[in-house]
Amino acid sequence: MADDLPTPAPAPVSLPLAAVPLAAYTRADLTEILGDAPDPFGVADTGLTWLPKDVHFGVRAEGRLVAHAGLLRVPVSIGGTEAEVIGVGGVAVAADVRGRGLARTVLSAALDHARTMGPRHALLFCRPPLVALYERLGWRTLEGKVYVEQSAGPAVMPLRTMWTPLKEGQEGAAWPDGDVRLLSFPM
């Protein structure tokens, strides 16, 4: 009888997968990637208010969203000089497909787009266990305190701050010297 046959194991996700722009990114999309945990990024204990991103890239495998990265242009002060950076955030890869290069895939697509947006640098905040991942992807750690805006005034960012140039080989590709203050909520 057909009912006695063993259920076949699901086919492995075939790679390579490509990242594509997403028209929108909702809480349901985040849940599709990371599940329904109350603090999927592990940053609630920072007590910070975060901005939503306005440009989104995702990777779909067999119709399911399995990776995401978001972008947002934000104002910053570096050494007292105001500029803009592209904030990167909401980077997520589903647990069952990690280790397959999807963080690189979705971040590469997002950063390719960020290079068309004007600012010379991209900036992100991450928990210490993720620093090595971002370093492998070409990000560099900013040393020293970084301040971010909050409703009660500037706060020290408790997470690691990392940056990457968006204009390699051009004047200004290096991160400027000076104290860093994000002139908005973090992204």
C-alpha atoms as a PDB file:
ATOM      1  CA  MET A   1       0.000   0.000   0.000  1.00  0.00           C
ATOM      2  CA  ALA A   2       1.164   3.509  -0.735  1.00  0.00           C
ATOM      3  CA  ASP A   3       0.564   4.504   2.904  1.00  0.00           C
ATOM      4  CA  ASP A   4       3.279   2.074   4.020  1.00  0.00           C
ATOM      5  CA  LEU A   5       6.012   3.780   1.992  1.00  0.00           C
ATOM      6  CA  PRO A   6       8.469   5.903   3.961  1.00  0.00           C
ATOM      7  CA  THR A   7       8.106   9.635   3.559  1.00  0.00           C
ATOM      8  CA  PRO A   8      11.007  10.915   1.450  1.00  0.00           C
ATOM      9  CA  ALA A   9      13.362  13.386   3.086  1.00  0.00           C
ATOM     10  CA  PRO A  10      13.012  16.937   1.784  1.00  0.00           C
ATOM     11  CA  ALA A  11      15.397  17.709  -1.056  1.00  0.00           C
ATOM     12  CA  PRO A  12      18.330  19.868  -0.025  1.00  0.00           C
ATOM     13  CA  VAL A  13      18.158  23.487  -1.087  1.00  0.00           C
ATOM     14  CA  SER A  14      20.025  23.768  -4.355  1.00  0.00           C
ATOM     15  CA  LEU A  15      22.680  26.426  -4.571  1.00  0.00           C
ATOM     16  CA  PRO A  16      23.686  28.923  -5.839  1.00  0.00           C
ATOM     17  CA  LEU A  17      20.830  31.182  -4.910  1.00  0.00           C
ATOM     18  CA  ALA A  18      20.586  34.823  -5.945  1.00  0.00           C
ATOM     19  CA  ALA A  19      19.546  37.838  -3.910  1.00  0.00           C
ATOM     20  CA  VAL A  20      16.833  40.058  -5.325  1.00  0.00           C
ATOM     21  CA  PRO A  21      15.301  43.389  -4.315  1.00  0.00           C
ATOM     22  CA  LEU A  22      12.197  43.027  -2.170  1.00  0.00           C
ATOM     23  CA  ALA A  23       9.276  45.407  -2.637  1.00  0.00           C
ATOM     24  CA  ALA A  24       8.591  45.248   1.111  1.00  0.00           C
ATOM     25  CA  TYR A  25       9.815  43.471   4.223  1.00  0.00           C
ATOM     26  CA  THR A  26       7.344  42.711   6.983  1.00  0.00           C
ATOM     27  CA  ARG A  27       7.339  41.089  10.405  1.00  0.00           C
ATOM     28  CA  ALA A  28       5.902  38.008   8.670  1.00  0.00           C
ATOM     29  CA  ASP A  29       8.960  37.934   6.384  1.00  0.00           C
ATOM     30  CA  LEU A  30      11.285  38.149   9.389  1.00  0.00           C
ATOM     31  CA  THR A  31       9.343  35.333  11.054  1.00  0.00           C
ATOM     32  CA  GLU A  32       9.697  33.251   7.887  1.00  0.00           C
ATOM     33  CA  ILE A  33      13.491  33.554   8.188  1.00  0.00           C
ATOM     34  CA  LEU A  34      14.178  33.545  11.942  1.00  0.00           C
ATOM     35  CA  GLY A  35      11.032  32.158  13.490  1.00  0.00           C
ATOM     36  CA  ASP A  36       8.688  33.837  15.934  1.00  0.00           C
ATOM     37  CA  ALA A  37      11.147  34.630  18.748  1.00  0.00           C
ATOM     38  CA  PRO A  38      10.394  37.857  20.642  1.00  0.00           C
ATOM     39  CA  ASP A  39      13.987  39.104  20.106  1.00  0.00           C
ATOM     40  CA  PRO A  40      15.180  37.479  16.862  1.00  0.00           C
ATOM     41  CA  PHE A  41      18.361  39.599  16.624  1.00  0.00           C
ATOM     42  CA  GLY A  42      19.305  39.324  20.294  1.00  0.00           C
ATOM     43  CA  VAL A  43      19.489  43.088  20.833  1.00  0.00           C
ATOM     44  CA  ALA A  44      16.462  43.835  23.021  1.00  0.00           C
ATOM     45  CA  ASP A  45      18.658  44.064  26.120  1.00  0.00           C
ATOM     46  CA  THR A  46      20.424  47.100  24.598  1.00  0.00           C
ATOM     47  CA  GLY A  47      17.280  49.117  25.352  1.00  0.00           C
ATOM     48  CA  LEU A  48      17.740  50.997  22.076  1.00  0.00           C
ATOM     49  CA  THR A  49      15.105  52.154  19.627  1.00  0.00           C
ATOM     50  CA  TRP A  50      15.931  51.046  16.066  1.00  0.00           C
ATOM     51  CA  LEU A  51      14.921  52.421  12.669  1.00  0.00           C
ATOM     52  CA  PRO A  52      13.331  50.281   9.984  1.00  0.00           C
ATOM     53  CA  LYS A  53      15.241  49.964   6.737  1.00  0.00           C
ATOM     54  CA  ASP A  54      13.742  51.313   3.515  1.00  0.00           C
ATOM     55  CA  VAL A  55      15.561  49.198   0.897  1.00  0.00           C
ATOM     56  CA  HIS A  56      15.472  45.405   1.187  1.00  0.00           C
ATOM     57  CA  PHE A  57      17.166  42.447  -0.464  1.00  0.00           C
ATOM     58  CA  GLY A  58      16.288  38.829   0.043  1.00  0.00           C
ATOM     59  CA  VAL A  59      17.113  35.307  -1.009  1.00  0.00           C
ATOM     60  CA  ARG A  60      14.345  32.802  -1.673  1.00  0.00           C
ATOM     61  CA  ALA A  61      14.823  29.047  -1.742  1.00  0.00           C
ATOM     62  CA  GLU A  62      11.958  26.981  -3.082  1.00  0.00           C
ATOM     63  CA  GLY A  63       9.570  29.896  -2.557  1.00  0.00           C
ATOM     64  CA  ARG A  64      10.629  30.539   1.046  1.00  0.00           C
ATOM     65  CA  LEU A  65      12.451  33.697   2.140  1.00  0.00           C
ATOM     66  CA  VAL A  66      15.694  32.445   3.746  1.00  0.00           C
ATOM     67  CA  ALA A  67      17.906  35.562   3.921  1.00  0.00           C
ATOM     68  CA  HIS A  68      17.527  39.342   4.176  1.00  0.00           C
ATOM     69  CA  ALA A  69      19.575  42.538   4.398  1.00  0.00           C
ATOM     70  CA  GLY A  70      18.171  46.056   4.637  1.00  0.00           C
ATOM     71  CA  LEU A  71      19.593  49.494   3.890  1.00  0.00           C
ATOM     72  CA  LEU A  72      18.867  52.993   5.120  1.00  0.00           C
ATOM     73  CA  ARG A  73      20.669  56.274   4.420  1.00  0.00           C
ATOM     74  CA  VAL A  74      21.476  57.871   7.791  1.00  0.00           C
ATOM     75  CA  PRO A  75      23.252  61.053   8.931  1.00  0.00           C
ATOM     76  CA  VAL A  76      26.483  60.765  10.910  1.00  0.00           C
ATOM     77  CA  SER A  77      29.034  63.097  12.453  1.00  0.00           C
ATOM     78  CA  ILE A  78      32.672  61.989  12.249  1.00  0.00           C
ATOM     79  CA  GLY A  79      35.169  64.234  13.967  1.00  0.00           C
ATOM     80  CA  GLY A  80      32.540  66.994  13.967  1.00  0.00           C
ATOM     81  CA  THR A  81      31.973  66.805  10.204  1.00  0.00           C
ATOM     82  CA  GLU A  82      28.501  65.756   9.115  1.00  0.00           C
ATOM     83  CA  ALA A  83      28.058  63.214   6.339  1.00  0.00           C
ATOM     84  CA  GLU A  84      25.804  60.350   5.390  1.00  0.00           C
ATOM     85  CA  VAL A  85      26.425  56.622   5.497  1.00  0.00           C
ATOM     86  CA  ILE A  86      24.386  53.688   4.332  1.00  0.00           C
ATOM     87  CA  GLY A  87      23.179  51.842   7.391  1.00  0.00           C
ATOM     88  CA  VAL A  88      22.946  48.101   6.972  1.00  0.00           C
ATOM     89  CA  GLY A  89      20.695  46.121   9.249  1.00  0.00           C
ATOM     90  CA  GLY A  90      18.194  43.367   9.608  1.00  0.00           C
ATOM     91  CA  VAL A  91      20.724  40.893   8.231  1.00  0.00           C
ATOM     92  CA  ALA A  92      19.240  37.456   8.743  1.00  0.00           C
ATOM     93  CA  VAL A  93      19.792  33.936   7.421  1.00  0.00           C
ATOM     94  CA  ALA A  94      17.484  31.054   8.315  1.00  0.00           C
ATOM     95  CA  ALA A  95      19.138  28.579  10.683  1.00  0.00           C
ATOM     96  CA  ASP A  96      18.606  25.585   8.410  1.00  0.00           C
ATOM     97  CA  VAL A  97      20.553  27.139   5.500  1.00  0.00           C
ATOM     98  CA  ARG A  98      23.413  28.820   7.373  1.00  0.00           C
ATOM     99  CA  GLY A  99      26.952  28.034   6.310  1.00  0.00           C
ATOM    100  CA  ARG A 100      26.073  28.119   2.604  1.00  0.00           C
ATOM    101  CA  GLY A 101      27.218  31.658   1.815  1.00  0.00           C
ATOM    102  CA  LEU A 102      23.799  33.300   1.926  1.00  0.00           C
ATOM    103  CA  ALA A 103      24.953  36.139   4.185  1.00  0.00           C
ATOM    104  CA  ARG A 104      27.588  36.959   1.555  1.00  0.00           C
ATOM    105  CA  THR A 105      25.000  36.645  -1.222  1.00  0.00           C
ATOM    106  CA  VAL A 106      22.413  38.959   0.328  1.00  0.00           C
ATOM    107  CA  LEU A 107      24.987  41.481   1.622  1.00  0.00           C
ATOM    108  CA  SER A 108      26.760  41.620  -1.747  1.00  0.00           C
ATOM    109  CA  ALA A 109      23.503  42.484  -3.503  1.00  0.00           C
ATOM    110  CA  ALA A 110      22.623  45.074  -0.859  1.00  0.00           C
ATOM    111  CA  LEU A 111      26.091  46.679  -1.008  1.00  0.00           C
ATOM    112  CA  ASP A 112      26.060  46.733  -4.820  1.00  0.00           C
ATOM    113  CA  HIS A 113      22.890  48.796  -4.537  1.00  0.00           C
ATOM    114  CA  ALA A 114      24.341  50.915  -1.702  1.00  0.00           C
ATOM    115  CA  ARG A 115      27.201  51.918  -4.031  1.00  0.00           C
ATOM    116  CA  THR A 116      24.605  53.662  -6.228  1.00  0.00           C
ATOM    117  CA  MET A 117      23.172  55.681  -3.325  1.00  0.00           C
ATOM    118  CA  GLY A 118      26.000  58.196  -2.933  1.00  0.00           C
ATOM    119  CA  PRO A 119      27.632  57.830   0.502  1.00  0.00           C
ATOM    120  CA  ARG A 120      31.220  56.584   0.700  1.00  0.00           C
ATOM    121  CA  HIS A 121      30.734  54.127   3.576  1.00  0.00           C
ATOM    122  CA  ALA A 122      28.321  51.557   4.935  1.00  0.00           C
ATOM    123  CA  LEU A 123      27.918  51.043   8.670  1.00  0.00           C
ATOM    124  CA  LEU A 124      26.379  48.261  10.745  1.00  0.00           C
ATOM    125  CA  PHE A 125      26.057  47.226  14.365  1.00  0.00           C
ATOM    126  CA  CYS A 126      26.452  43.618  15.445  1.00  0.00           C
ATOM    127  CA  ARG A 127      26.783  41.388  18.465  1.00  0.00           C
ATOM    128  CA  PRO A 128      30.385  40.320  19.230  1.00  0.00           C
ATOM    129  CA  PRO A 129      29.899  36.697  18.065  1.00  0.00           C
ATOM    130  CA  LEU A 130      29.147  37.992  14.545  1.00  0.00           C
ATOM    131  CA  VAL A 131      32.253  40.179  14.173  1.00  0.00           C
ATOM    132  CA  ALA A 132      34.330  37.366  12.628  1.00  0.00           C
ATOM    133  CA  LEU A 133      31.623  36.695  10.023  1.00  0.00           C
ATOM    134  CA  TYR A 134      31.519  40.328   8.967  1.00  0.00           C
ATOM    135  CA  GLU A 135      35.325  40.535   8.924  1.00  0.00           C
ATOM    136  CA  ARG A 136      35.392  37.571   6.510  1.00  0.00           C
ATOM    137  CA  LEU A 137      32.985  39.575   4.355  1.00  0.00           C
ATOM    138  CA  GLY A 138      35.341  42.575   4.292  1.00  0.00           C
ATOM    139  CA  TRP A 139      33.916  44.709   7.102  1.00  0.00           C
ATOM    140  CA  ARG A 140      36.223  46.514   9.526  1.00  0.00           C
ATOM    141  CA  THR A 141      35.657  47.249  13.207  1.00  0.00           C
ATOM    142  CA  LEU A 142      35.527  50.838  14.420  1.00  0.00           C
ATOM    143  CA  GLU A 143      37.415  51.237  17.661  1.00  0.00           C
ATOM    144  CA  GLY A 144      36.239  53.630  20.345  1.00  0.00           C
ATOM    145  CA  LYS A 145      32.792  54.681  21.461  1.00  0.00           C
ATOM    146  CA  VAL A 146      30.086  55.326  18.909  1.00  0.00           C
ATOM    147  CA  TYR A 147      27.105  57.403  19.950  1.00  0.00           C
ATOM    148  CA  VAL A 148      23.597  56.951  18.573  1.00  0.00           C
ATOM    149  CA  GLU A 149      20.529  59.079  19.037  1.00  0.00           C
ATOM    150  CA  GLN A 150      17.764  57.934  21.345  1.00  0.00           C
ATOM    151  CA  SER A 151      14.658  59.691  22.669  1.00  0.00           C
ATOM    152  CA  ALA A 152      16.485  60.686  25.875  1.00  0.00           C
ATOM    153  CA  GLY A 153      19.551  61.935  23.964  1.00  0.00           C
ATOM    154  CA  PRO A 154      22.773  60.350  22.688  1.00  0.00           C
ATOM    155  CA  ALA A 155      23.624  56.861  23.955  1.00  0.00           C
ATOM    156  CA  VAL A 156      26.781  54.787  23.620  1.00  0.00           C
ATOM    157  CA  MET A 157      26.224  51.934  21.162  1.00  0.00           C
ATOM    158  CA  PRO A 158      26.824  48.738  23.178  1.00  0.00           C
ATOM    159  CA  LEU A 159      27.218  46.572  20.060  1.00  0.00           C
ATOM    160  CA  ARG A 160      30.269  46.430  17.804  1.00  0.00           C
ATOM    161  CA  THR A 161      30.293  49.050  15.071  1.00  0.00           C
ATOM    162  CA  MET A 162      31.640  47.928  11.706  1.00  0.00           C
ATOM    163  CA  TRP A 163      32.129  49.717   8.400  1.00  0.00           C
ATOM    164  CA  THR A 164      33.033  48.998   4.811  1.00  0.00           C
ATOM    165  CA  PRO A 165      33.936  51.373   1.989  1.00  0.00           C
ATOM    166  CA  LEU A 166      31.468  51.778  -0.840  1.00  0.00           C
ATOM    167  CA  LYS A 167      33.907  53.620  -3.119  1.00  0.00           C
ATOM    168  CA  GLU A 168      37.027  51.386  -3.083  1.00  0.00           C
ATOM    169  CA  GLY A 169      40.070  52.977  -4.633  1.00  0.00           C
ATOM    170  CA  GLN A 170      38.608  56.487  -4.540  1.00  0.00           C
ATOM    171  CA  GLU A 171      39.652  59.358  -2.332  1.00  0.00           C
ATOM    172  CA  GLY A 172      37.745  59.121   0.929  1.00  0.00           C
ATOM    173  CA  ALA A 173      37.394  55.324   0.892  1.00  0.00           C
ATOM    174  CA  ALA A 174      39.192  55.090   4.275  1.00  0.00           C
ATOM    175  CA  TRP A 175      37.108  55.760   7.377  1.00  0.00           C
ATOM    176  CA  PRO A 176      37.803  59.331   8.583  1.00  0.00           C
ATOM    177  CA  ASP A 177      39.421  60.023  11.963  1.00  0.00           C
ATOM    178  CA  GLY A 178      37.381  61.384  14.819  1.00  0.00           C
ATOM    179  CA  ASP A 179      34.558  60.676  17.212  1.00  0.00           C
ATOM    180  CA  VAL A 180      31.544  58.988  15.611  1.00  0.00           C
ATOM    181  CA  ARG A 181      27.963  59.939  16.319  1.00  0.00           C
ATOM    182  CA  LEU A 182      25.026  58.564  14.410  1.00  0.00           C
ATOM    183  CA  LEU A 183      22.612  61.487  14.159  1.00  0.00           C
ATOM    184  CA  SER A 184      19.579  59.209  14.155  1.00  0.00           C
ATOM    185  CA  PHE A 185      18.318  56.087  15.850  1.00  0.00           C
ATOM    186  CA  PRO A 186      20.453  53.103  14.842  1.00  0.00           C
ATOM    187  CA  MET A 187      19.366  50.977  11.933  1.00  0.00           C
END
